[in-house]
């Protein structure tokens, strides 16, 4: 998703000079929480930690491995702390009203995705402690859902550094796909439960996980839609869709 339907980057309006070292996306999940990062850097760090958290959770739901769950908990706590720092900076900064209104929800929405993933982590801990099993089909469904959710996060992260209409529209489209897959998973789950292929104690937990994934996707779509709305109001379009 690298087509050049770009527009002005609202984050760089607040922080035009970026620390290039902090933009190494492959290692951002390891970056410590900091009060000194720019808004863009902080958001990139948050979403990179969310991507890693989702990837680890997908594995932990199958394996129940304690180190994976412990790392997920650490990432969730780091996301929480970074959100508070970024929101405090935005409130304290002298930012024009329309820009602040668009941007101030971004740290909060990423933090809410973290809350949803922490809810899944809690289910994972209970599942492991109580030796609750999911069917192979349920695990296959979750693998697909986590794959779509992670893909949405990766593309939204790309859009943070190079706002791109095609990427943002892709994230929104993937959000619609995610909702369809979740509804299909719910229907398949009820059929398994009715036919005795799903343990009763696993049922509510599985539905809780599906609801948390759905809420996570909705927050990602909200952020993508907000960026598109800010672009439509921007007086300085940075470019148009490339030909060919």
Foldseek 3Di string as FASTA:
>chain_A
DPFPAFFDQLQCVQPVDADVVLVPLVCLCVDFQDLPHGLLSLLSSLLSLLLLLLVLLLVCLPVVDPVSLVSSVVSLVRLVVNLVSSLVVLVPDPDDDVSSVLPNCSSVLSNLLSVLSVLLSVLSNCCVVVVFDFDPVLSVLSVVLSVLLSQLSVLVNVCNVTPHLVSLVVLLVSLVVSVVSLVVSLVVLVVCVVVVNHDPVCNVSSNSNSVSSNSSSVSSNVSSVSSVVVRVVDPGTPDRGDDD
